[in-house]
Amino acid sequence: MSKRGKIEEIYTHTVEDGLLALSGMHDGEDQPLLFCSSKDNSVRMYDSPSFDERGKLFAKREVQALQIGSGGLFFTGDETGGLSVWKWLEPAGKKES
């Protein structure tokens, strides 16, 4: 129970390798995504709220930091000290205005 009312768990999903970090953002088509880094050196992307797996990113070691930026950018940091910058590409057929 929160101070403003009740909180209800509406869905659960288990990742076998364990989770290290979570973050959410919208893709290039403005659809909500959940990013989950796990102990298998990957970051899985899930559609929200269905948890259908959208894709996977891989790193040299465990990704322990996920940060969402602006303009479709997001950042990952792994145990080696490696920092990667990622950007959503425009969907095929979509033209800039």
N, C-alpha and C. Protein backbone atom coordinates (compact mmCIF):
# COMPACT_ATOMS: atom_id res chain seq x y z
N MET A 1 0.85 -1.17 0.00
CA MET A 1 0.00 0.00 0.00
C MET A 1 0.90 1.23 0.00
N SER A 2 0.61 2.17 -0.87
CA SER A 2 1.33 3.44 -0.90
C SER A 2 0.52 4.49 -0.14
N LYS A 3 1.09 5.66 0.05
CA LYS A 3 0.39 6.72 0.75
C LYS A 3 -0.83 7.21 -0.03
N ARG A 4 -0.78 7.09 -1.36
CA ARG A 4 -1.88 7.60 -2.19
C ARG A 4 -2.85 6.51 -2.61
N GLY A 5 -2.63 5.29 -2.23
CA GLY A 5 -3.54 4.23 -2.61
C GLY A 5 -2.84 2.90 -2.72
N LYS A 6 -3.51 1.98 -3.36
CA LYS A 6 -2.98 0.63 -3.48
C LYS A 6 -2.16 0.48 -4.75
N ILE A 7 -1.18 -0.38 -4.68
CA ILE A 7 -0.37 -0.75 -5.84
C ILE A 7 -0.63 -2.22 -6.10
N GLU A 8 -0.88 -2.54 -7.35
CA GLU A 8 -1.19 -3.91 -7.72
C GLU A 8 -0.17 -4.42 -8.72
N GLU A 9 0.37 -5.59 -8.48
CA GLU A 9 1.25 -6.24 -9.44
C GLU A 9 0.37 -6.79 -10.55
N ILE A 10 0.63 -6.36 -11.80
CA ILE A 10 -0.25 -6.78 -12.89
C ILE A 10 0.38 -7.82 -13.80
N TYR A 11 1.69 -8.02 -13.70
CA TYR A 11 2.34 -9.02 -14.54
C TYR A 11 3.72 -9.31 -13.98
N THR A 12 4.18 -10.53 -14.13
CA THR A 12 5.55 -10.87 -13.76
C THR A 12 6.19 -11.62 -14.92
N HIS A 13 7.49 -11.54 -14.97
CA HIS A 13 8.27 -12.21 -16.01
C HIS A 13 9.59 -12.64 -15.38
N THR A 14 10.02 -13.85 -15.64
CA THR A 14 11.25 -14.36 -15.05
C THR A 14 12.33 -14.45 -16.11
N VAL A 15 13.51 -13.94 -15.78
CA VAL A 15 14.69 -14.07 -16.64
C VAL A 15 15.62 -15.05 -15.94
N GLU A 16 15.91 -16.16 -16.58
CA GLU A 16 16.66 -17.24 -15.94
C GLU A 16 18.06 -16.85 -15.48
N ASP A 17 18.71 -15.93 -16.20
CA ASP A 17 20.08 -15.58 -15.86
C ASP A 17 20.19 -14.51 -14.79
N GLY A 18 19.09 -14.01 -14.28
CA GLY A 18 19.11 -12.96 -13.27
C GLY A 18 19.23 -11.60 -13.91
N LEU A 19 18.71 -10.59 -13.24
CA LEU A 19 18.71 -9.22 -13.76
C LEU A 19 19.73 -8.36 -13.03
N LEU A 20 20.35 -7.46 -13.78
CA LEU A 20 21.31 -6.52 -13.20
C LEU A 20 20.82 -5.09 -13.25
N ALA A 21 20.13 -4.72 -14.34
CA ALA A 21 19.65 -3.34 -14.50
C ALA A 21 18.40 -3.34 -15.37
N LEU A 22 17.54 -2.35 -15.12
CA LEU A 22 16.30 -2.18 -15.87
C LEU A 22 16.18 -0.72 -16.30
N SER A 23 15.56 -0.52 -17.46
CA SER A 23 15.26 0.83 -17.90
C SER A 23 14.17 0.76 -18.94
N GLY A 24 13.45 1.84 -19.13
CA GLY A 24 12.39 1.86 -20.12
C GLY A 24 12.53 3.05 -21.05
N MET A 25 12.06 2.90 -22.27
CA MET A 25 12.05 3.99 -23.24
C MET A 25 11.04 3.67 -24.33
N HIS A 26 10.87 4.59 -25.27
CA HIS A 26 10.02 4.37 -26.44
C HIS A 26 10.93 4.19 -27.66
N ASP A 27 10.54 3.28 -28.55
CA ASP A 27 11.33 3.04 -29.76
C ASP A 27 11.05 4.11 -30.81
N GLY A 28 11.58 3.93 -32.02
CA GLY A 28 11.42 4.89 -33.10
C GLY A 28 9.99 5.06 -33.56
N GLU A 29 9.12 4.11 -33.20
CA GLU A 29 7.70 4.21 -33.55
C GLU A 29 6.86 4.58 -32.34
N ASP A 30 7.51 5.06 -31.28
CA ASP A 30 6.88 5.51 -30.04
C ASP A 30 6.18 4.40 -29.27
N GLN A 31 6.67 3.16 -29.41
CA GLN A 31 6.13 2.02 -28.66
C GLN A 31 6.97 1.82 -27.39
N PRO A 32 6.35 1.56 -26.24
CA PRO A 32 7.11 1.41 -25.00
C PRO A 32 7.90 0.10 -24.97
N LEU A 33 9.14 0.20 -24.48
CA LEU A 33 10.04 -0.95 -24.35
C LEU A 33 10.63 -0.99 -22.95
N LEU A 34 10.94 -2.20 -22.51
CA LEU A 34 11.66 -2.40 -21.26
C LEU A 34 13.00 -3.04 -21.60
N PHE A 35 14.07 -2.48 -21.10
CA PHE A 35 15.42 -3.02 -21.28
C PHE A 35 15.82 -3.73 -20.00
N CYS A 36 16.33 -4.96 -20.11
CA CYS A 36 16.75 -5.74 -18.96
C CYS A 36 18.14 -6.30 -19.24
N SER A 37 19.13 -5.90 -18.45
CA SER A 37 20.45 -6.52 -18.60
C SER A 37 20.53 -7.71 -17.66
N SER A 38 21.18 -8.77 -18.13
CA SER A 38 21.26 -9.98 -17.32
C SER A 38 22.70 -10.48 -17.25
N LYS A 39 22.90 -11.50 -16.44
CA LYS A 39 24.24 -12.01 -16.16
C LYS A 39 24.86 -12.77 -17.33
N ASP A 40 24.13 -12.93 -18.43
CA ASP A 40 24.69 -13.61 -19.61
C ASP A 40 25.32 -12.63 -20.61
N ASN A 41 25.64 -11.42 -20.14
CA ASN A 41 26.27 -10.37 -20.95
C ASN A 41 25.36 -9.82 -22.03
N SER A 42 24.06 -9.89 -21.82
CA SER A 42 23.13 -9.37 -22.81
C SER A 42 22.19 -8.34 -22.20
N VAL A 43 21.59 -7.57 -23.10
CA VAL A 43 20.49 -6.67 -22.75
C VAL A 43 19.33 -7.09 -23.62
N ARG A 44 18.27 -7.52 -22.98
CA ARG A 44 17.08 -7.93 -23.73
C ARG A 44 16.10 -6.77 -23.78
N MET A 45 15.44 -6.63 -24.92
CA MET A 45 14.43 -5.60 -25.09
C MET A 45 13.08 -6.27 -25.21
N TYR A 46 12.15 -5.84 -24.38
CA TYR A 46 10.82 -6.41 -24.35
C TYR A 46 9.78 -5.34 -24.68
N ASP A 47 8.78 -5.71 -25.48
CA ASP A 47 7.63 -4.85 -25.67
C ASP A 47 6.91 -4.74 -24.33
N SER A 48 6.39 -3.57 -24.05
CA SER A 48 5.65 -3.37 -22.82
C SER A 48 4.21 -3.07 -23.19
N PRO A 49 3.24 -3.65 -22.58
CA PRO A 49 3.30 -4.46 -21.37
C PRO A 49 3.30 -5.96 -21.63
N SER A 50 3.41 -6.42 -22.88
CA SER A 50 3.26 -7.84 -23.20
C SER A 50 4.47 -8.70 -22.82
N PHE A 51 5.65 -8.11 -22.71
CA PHE A 51 6.91 -8.81 -22.45
C PHE A 51 7.32 -9.72 -23.61
N ASP A 52 6.80 -9.45 -24.82
CA ASP A 52 7.30 -10.17 -25.99
C ASP A 52 8.71 -9.67 -26.26
N GLU A 53 9.66 -10.61 -26.44
CA GLU A 53 11.04 -10.20 -26.65
C GLU A 53 11.19 -9.55 -28.02
N ARG A 54 11.74 -8.35 -28.05
CA ARG A 54 11.91 -7.60 -29.29
C ARG A 54 13.30 -7.80 -29.87
N GLY A 55 14.29 -7.99 -29.02
CA GLY A 55 15.65 -8.15 -29.51
C GLY A 55 16.62 -8.28 -28.36
N LYS A 56 17.90 -8.39 -28.73
CA LYS A 56 18.95 -8.60 -27.74
C LYS A 56 20.21 -7.87 -28.19
N LEU A 57 20.89 -7.25 -27.25
CA LEU A 57 22.21 -6.64 -27.48
C LEU A 57 23.21 -7.44 -26.66
N PHE A 58 24.45 -7.53 -27.15
CA PHE A 58 25.47 -8.29 -26.42
C PHE A 58 26.66 -7.40 -26.08
N ALA A 59 27.27 -7.69 -24.95
CA ALA A 59 28.46 -6.96 -24.49
C ALA A 59 29.56 -7.97 -24.18
N LYS A 60 30.76 -7.45 -23.95
CA LYS A 60 31.89 -8.33 -23.61
C LYS A 60 31.72 -8.94 -22.23
N ARG A 61 31.15 -8.16 -21.31
CA ARG A 61 30.92 -8.61 -19.94
C ARG A 61 29.53 -8.15 -19.50
N GLU A 62 29.19 -8.39 -18.26
CA GLU A 62 27.86 -8.03 -17.75
C GLU A 62 27.60 -6.53 -17.87
N VAL A 63 26.46 -6.18 -18.43
CA VAL A 63 26.05 -4.78 -18.53
C VAL A 63 25.41 -4.40 -17.20
N GLN A 64 26.07 -3.51 -16.48
CA GLN A 64 25.58 -3.12 -15.16
C GLN A 64 24.96 -1.74 -15.14
N ALA A 65 25.07 -1.02 -16.26
CA ALA A 65 24.49 0.32 -16.32
C ALA A 65 23.73 0.50 -17.63
N LEU A 66 22.51 0.97 -17.52
CA LEU A 66 21.67 1.33 -18.66
C LEU A 66 21.16 2.75 -18.41
N GLN A 67 21.29 3.59 -19.39
CA GLN A 67 20.79 4.96 -19.24
C GLN A 67 20.11 5.38 -20.53
N ILE A 68 18.96 6.00 -20.41
CA ILE A 68 18.21 6.48 -21.56
C ILE A 68 18.54 7.95 -21.77
N GLY A 69 18.85 8.30 -23.01
CA GLY A 69 19.11 9.69 -23.36
C GLY A 69 17.96 10.25 -24.18
N SER A 70 18.20 11.37 -24.80
CA SER A 70 17.16 11.98 -25.65
C SER A 70 17.42 11.64 -27.11
N GLY A 71 16.43 11.88 -27.94
CA GLY A 71 16.58 11.68 -29.37
C GLY A 71 16.79 10.23 -29.78
N GLY A 72 16.26 9.28 -29.00
CA GLY A 72 16.40 7.88 -29.35
C GLY A 72 17.72 7.25 -28.94
N LEU A 73 18.54 7.97 -28.18
CA LEU A 73 19.83 7.44 -27.72
C LEU A 73 19.66 6.67 -26.41
N PHE A 74 20.45 5.61 -26.25
CA PHE A 74 20.57 4.96 -24.96
C PHE A 74 21.99 4.44 -24.82
N PHE A 75 22.41 4.24 -23.59
CA PHE A 75 23.80 3.95 -23.27
C PHE A 75 23.89 2.69 -22.42
N THR A 76 24.91 1.90 -22.66
CA THR A 76 25.17 0.73 -21.83
C THR A 76 26.63 0.79 -21.36
N GLY A 77 26.85 0.31 -20.15
CA GLY A 77 28.20 0.21 -19.59
C GLY A 77 28.41 -1.17 -19.03
N ASP A 78 29.52 -1.83 -19.41
CA ASP A 78 29.76 -3.18 -18.93
C ASP A 78 30.94 -3.25 -17.98
N GLU A 79 31.18 -4.44 -17.44
CA GLU A 79 32.23 -4.65 -16.43
C GLU A 79 33.64 -4.34 -16.92
N THR A 80 33.87 -4.37 -18.24
CA THR A 80 35.21 -4.07 -18.77
C THR A 80 35.49 -2.58 -18.74
N GLY A 81 34.46 -1.77 -18.46
CA GLY A 81 34.59 -0.32 -18.53
C GLY A 81 34.13 0.20 -19.88
N GLY A 82 33.68 -0.71 -20.74
CA GLY A 82 33.22 -0.31 -22.07
C GLY A 82 31.90 0.44 -22.00
N LEU A 83 31.84 1.55 -22.70
CA LEU A 83 30.63 2.34 -22.81
C LEU A 83 30.18 2.30 -24.26
N SER A 84 28.92 1.93 -24.49
CA SER A 84 28.38 1.92 -25.84
C SER A 84 27.23 2.89 -25.93
N VAL A 85 27.15 3.58 -27.06
CA VAL A 85 26.05 4.50 -27.33
C VAL A 85 25.24 3.89 -28.47
N TRP A 86 23.94 3.78 -28.26
CA TRP A 86 23.04 3.16 -29.23
C TRP A 86 22.00 4.19 -29.64
N LYS A 87 21.46 4.04 -30.86
CA LYS A 87 20.42 4.95 -31.33
C LYS A 87 19.40 4.16 -32.13
N TRP A 88 18.12 4.43 -31.84
CA TRP A 88 17.05 3.85 -32.64
C TRP A 88 17.08 4.48 -34.01
N LEU A 89 17.02 3.66 -35.04
CA LEU A 89 16.93 4.17 -36.41
C LEU A 89 15.48 4.39 -36.77
N GLU A 90 15.23 5.29 -37.68
CA GLU A 90 13.87 5.53 -38.14
C GLU A 90 13.33 4.27 -38.79
N PRO A 91 12.06 3.94 -38.57
CA PRO A 91 11.48 2.78 -39.22
C PRO A 91 11.52 2.92 -40.73
N ALA A 92 11.64 1.81 -41.44
CA ALA A 92 11.65 1.84 -42.90
C ALA A 92 10.39 2.51 -43.42
N GLY A 93 10.56 3.39 -44.38
CA GLY A 93 9.42 4.06 -44.98
C GLY A 93 8.99 5.33 -44.27
N LYS A 94 9.53 5.61 -43.09
CA LYS A 94 9.15 6.81 -42.36
C LYS A 94 10.06 7.95 -42.81
N LYS A 95 9.47 9.06 -43.19
CA LYS A 95 10.24 10.21 -43.67
C LYS A 95 10.22 11.29 -42.61
N GLU A 96 11.35 12.00 -42.50
CA GLU A 96 11.42 13.11 -41.55
C GLU A 96 10.59 14.26 -42.07
N SER A 97 9.96 15.01 -41.16
CA SER A 97 9.17 16.16 -41.58
C SER A 97 9.99 17.42 -41.55
